[in-house]
Every structure is written in C-alpha cells, then in structure tokens.
Amino acid sequence: MYKSVYHRDFSSEWKFSAVRSSGAGGQNVNKVNTRVELRFPIAKSQQLSEDEKNLLYKKLKNRINSENELILSCQSERSQLRNKQKVIERFFDILAESLKQEKHRIATKRTNASRLKRIESKKLQASKKERRKPPML
C-alpha cells in the first residue's frame, strides 16, 4: 500500500514561477504577475518510489512535458498567494487520484430471475416481428 500523498513533503522539489494572468481584470492584470505555475520533476523526486513514478508517467502523460516535469498552473484568483495555495491543492489532488489503487471487479453469475427476464423479452421481440409478416395463404 502506498503512503498517503498528503503526508509527504514535496516542497523542496517544487519550482514555482509567476507570470502575468490573461483575461479580464483591468489594469491590475497588466502589471501584476498573479498566475502561478508549479513544475514538479517526477524523475528527480525523492518522495516517490519507482513504481509510483511509473504509474504517474502512465496516468499523467498528457500533463508531463519532454523534461519529465508535471506542470500545473492557476490564475483564478487575483492574489499570487491564493493562486499558489490552489495550485498546491490541485497538485496533491491529482497525485492522490493518480496513485489510487483500482479495485478488481469480481465477476458474478447472472441471477435466475435475470435469465428468465431476458428470455421473456426475447420472446416478446420475436412475436412482434412475427406479427409484422404478411399472412400465409
């Protein structure tokens, strides 16, 4: 079982950069760098095991660039600090979701009632089609 992602300290492995946000926001948008971008080098991570790294590469391949960095950004808030907090939350949520073990489905037999219901519906459909034919002379 994997150690919970929320209890690990990734702070030394994150690289943050602040850039200008796009979209509406008046003059503030043009002069303040509020959009925060988080870069996480998966290959260099000390907190993740090799199995976890392979799982992340497989599940997050669309979010990982050519330098094997997971890139997340947030620009929804007007403050750089709040955007930083949001992107960190998203990082942990994405990691937890990606590293979650999938349950194996155990195949079960069909119930007797479901078999009878299926056969009954097939007979009903067959009788409908039979009634559509022209009468035999």
Protein backbone atom coordinates (compact mmCIF):
# COMPACT_ATOMS: atom_id res chain seq x y z
CA MET A 1 0.00 0.00 0.00
CA TYR A 2 1.26 3.45 -0.90
CA LYS A 3 1.99 6.04 1.78
CA SER A 4 -0.57 8.84 1.64
CA VAL A 5 0.46 11.63 -0.72
CA TYR A 6 -0.87 14.30 1.65
CA HIS A 7 1.63 13.31 4.37
CA ARG A 8 4.74 13.73 2.21
CA ASP A 9 6.82 16.88 1.96
CA PHE A 10 7.29 17.80 -1.71
CA SER A 11 8.03 21.48 -1.02
CA SER A 12 11.76 21.16 -1.74
CA GLU A 13 11.03 19.59 -5.14
CA TRP A 14 8.56 22.18 -6.44
CA LYS A 15 9.62 25.02 -8.71
CA PHE A 16 7.25 27.99 -8.81
CA SER A 17 7.12 30.80 -11.32
CA ALA A 18 4.74 33.74 -11.51
CA VAL A 19 3.61 35.17 -14.84
CA ARG A 20 1.02 37.65 -15.97
CA SER A 21 -2.52 36.36 -15.96
CA SER A 22 -4.66 36.53 -19.09
CA GLY A 23 -8.25 37.64 -19.37
CA ALA A 24 -10.30 40.39 -17.76
CA GLY A 25 -9.16 42.19 -14.65
CA GLY A 26 -8.47 45.79 -15.64
CA GLN A 27 -5.14 47.49 -15.09
CA ASN A 28 -4.12 45.06 -12.33
CA VAL A 29 -3.78 42.24 -14.88
CA ASN A 30 -1.33 44.25 -16.96
CA LYS A 31 1.13 45.00 -14.18
CA VAL A 32 0.95 42.17 -11.59
CA ASN A 33 2.18 38.60 -12.05
CA THR A 34 -0.64 36.66 -10.38
CA ARG A 35 -0.70 33.45 -12.40
CA VAL A 36 1.32 30.76 -10.62
CA GLU A 37 2.92 27.83 -12.41
CA LEU A 38 4.13 24.76 -10.48
CA ARG A 39 6.74 22.47 -12.01
CA PHE A 40 7.44 19.10 -10.42
CA PRO A 41 10.31 16.96 -11.83
CA ILE A 42 8.96 13.43 -11.39
CA ALA A 43 12.20 11.63 -12.27
CA LYS A 44 14.22 13.52 -9.64
CA SER A 45 11.67 13.13 -6.84
CA GLN A 46 12.96 11.62 -3.60
CA GLN A 47 9.44 11.24 -2.16
CA LEU A 48 8.13 8.84 -4.82
CA SER A 49 9.08 5.21 -5.36
CA GLU A 50 9.91 3.89 -8.82
CA ASP A 51 6.53 2.14 -9.07
CA GLU A 52 4.75 5.39 -8.22
CA LYS A 53 6.80 7.31 -10.78
CA ASN A 54 5.94 4.78 -13.50
CA LEU A 55 2.27 4.98 -12.56
CA LEU A 56 2.37 8.79 -12.79
CA TYR A 57 4.08 8.67 -16.20
CA LYS A 58 1.35 6.32 -17.41
CA LYS A 59 -1.66 8.18 -16.00
CA LEU A 60 -0.50 11.79 -16.40
CA LYS A 61 1.28 11.55 -19.76
CA ASN A 62 -0.73 14.48 -21.19
CA ARG A 63 0.37 16.79 -18.35
CA ILE A 64 4.07 15.89 -18.43
CA ASN A 65 6.47 17.76 -20.72
CA SER A 66 9.56 16.45 -22.51
CA GLU A 67 11.76 17.12 -19.44
CA ASN A 68 9.54 14.77 -17.37
CA GLU A 69 8.05 17.64 -15.37
CA LEU A 70 4.44 17.74 -14.22
CA ILE A 71 3.22 21.28 -14.93
CA LEU A 72 0.19 22.82 -13.22
CA SER A 73 -0.93 26.44 -13.23
CA CYS A 74 -3.63 28.54 -11.59
CA GLN A 75 -4.84 32.03 -12.43
CA SER A 76 -8.36 32.01 -10.98
CA GLU A 77 -7.59 34.30 -8.02
CA ARG A 78 -6.44 37.91 -8.01
CA SER A 79 -3.69 37.22 -5.50
CA GLN A 80 -0.49 35.33 -6.24
CA LEU A 81 -0.53 33.72 -2.78
CA ARG A 82 -4.06 32.31 -3.21
CA ASN A 83 -3.17 31.01 -6.67
CA LYS A 84 -0.12 29.31 -5.16
CA GLN A 85 -2.26 27.66 -2.48
CA LYS A 86 -4.78 26.49 -5.08
CA VAL A 87 -2.14 25.00 -7.36
CA ILE A 88 -0.61 23.12 -4.41
CA GLU A 89 -4.05 21.72 -3.51
CA ARG A 90 -4.55 20.65 -7.12
CA PHE A 91 -1.11 19.02 -7.15
CA PHE A 92 -1.96 16.87 -4.13
CA ASP A 93 -5.43 16.01 -5.50
CA ILE A 94 -4.02 14.96 -8.88
CA LEU A 95 -1.27 12.88 -7.28
CA ALA A 96 -3.69 11.18 -4.88
CA GLU A 97 -6.11 10.39 -7.71
CA SER A 98 -3.34 9.03 -9.94
CA LEU A 99 -1.80 6.83 -7.25
CA LYS A 100 -5.12 5.41 -6.04
CA GLN A 101 -5.32 1.64 -6.44
CA GLU A 102 -8.15 0.44 -8.66
CA LYS A 103 -10.36 -2.28 -7.25
CA HIS A 104 -10.57 -5.54 -9.17
CA ARG A 105 -14.07 -6.44 -10.19
CA ILE A 106 -15.15 -9.93 -9.25
CA ALA A 107 -17.35 -11.43 -11.95
CA THR A 108 -20.64 -12.80 -10.66
CA LYS A 109 -23.17 -15.16 -12.21
CA ARG A 110 -26.45 -13.89 -13.55
CA THR A 111 -29.43 -14.50 -11.31
CA ASN A 112 -32.15 -16.92 -12.34
CA ALA A 113 -34.69 -14.07 -12.45
CA SER A 114 -32.49 -12.01 -14.80
CA ARG A 115 -32.12 -15.01 -17.16
CA LEU A 116 -35.87 -15.55 -17.27
CA LYS A 117 -36.48 -11.82 -17.83
CA ARG A 118 -34.01 -11.82 -20.75
CA ILE A 119 -35.65 -14.87 -22.38
CA GLU A 120 -39.10 -13.34 -21.89
CA SER A 121 -38.05 -10.09 -23.59
CA LYS A 122 -36.52 -12.06 -26.50
CA LYS A 123 -39.81 -13.98 -26.95
CA LEU A 124 -41.78 -10.73 -26.89
CA GLN A 125 -39.49 -9.20 -29.54
CA ALA A 126 -39.77 -12.35 -31.70
CA SER A 127 -43.56 -12.29 -31.52
CA LYS A 128 -43.60 -8.61 -32.56
CA LYS A 129 -41.54 -9.40 -35.64
CA GLU A 130 -43.64 -12.46 -36.40
CA ARG A 131 -46.81 -10.31 -36.45
CA ARG A 132 -45.24 -7.94 -38.99
CA LYS A 133 -45.02 -10.65 -41.65
CA PRO A 134 -47.77 -10.91 -44.22
CA PRO A 135 -50.26 -13.76 -43.58
CA MET A 136 -49.61 -17.09 -45.25
CA LEU A 137 -52.18 -18.04 -47.91
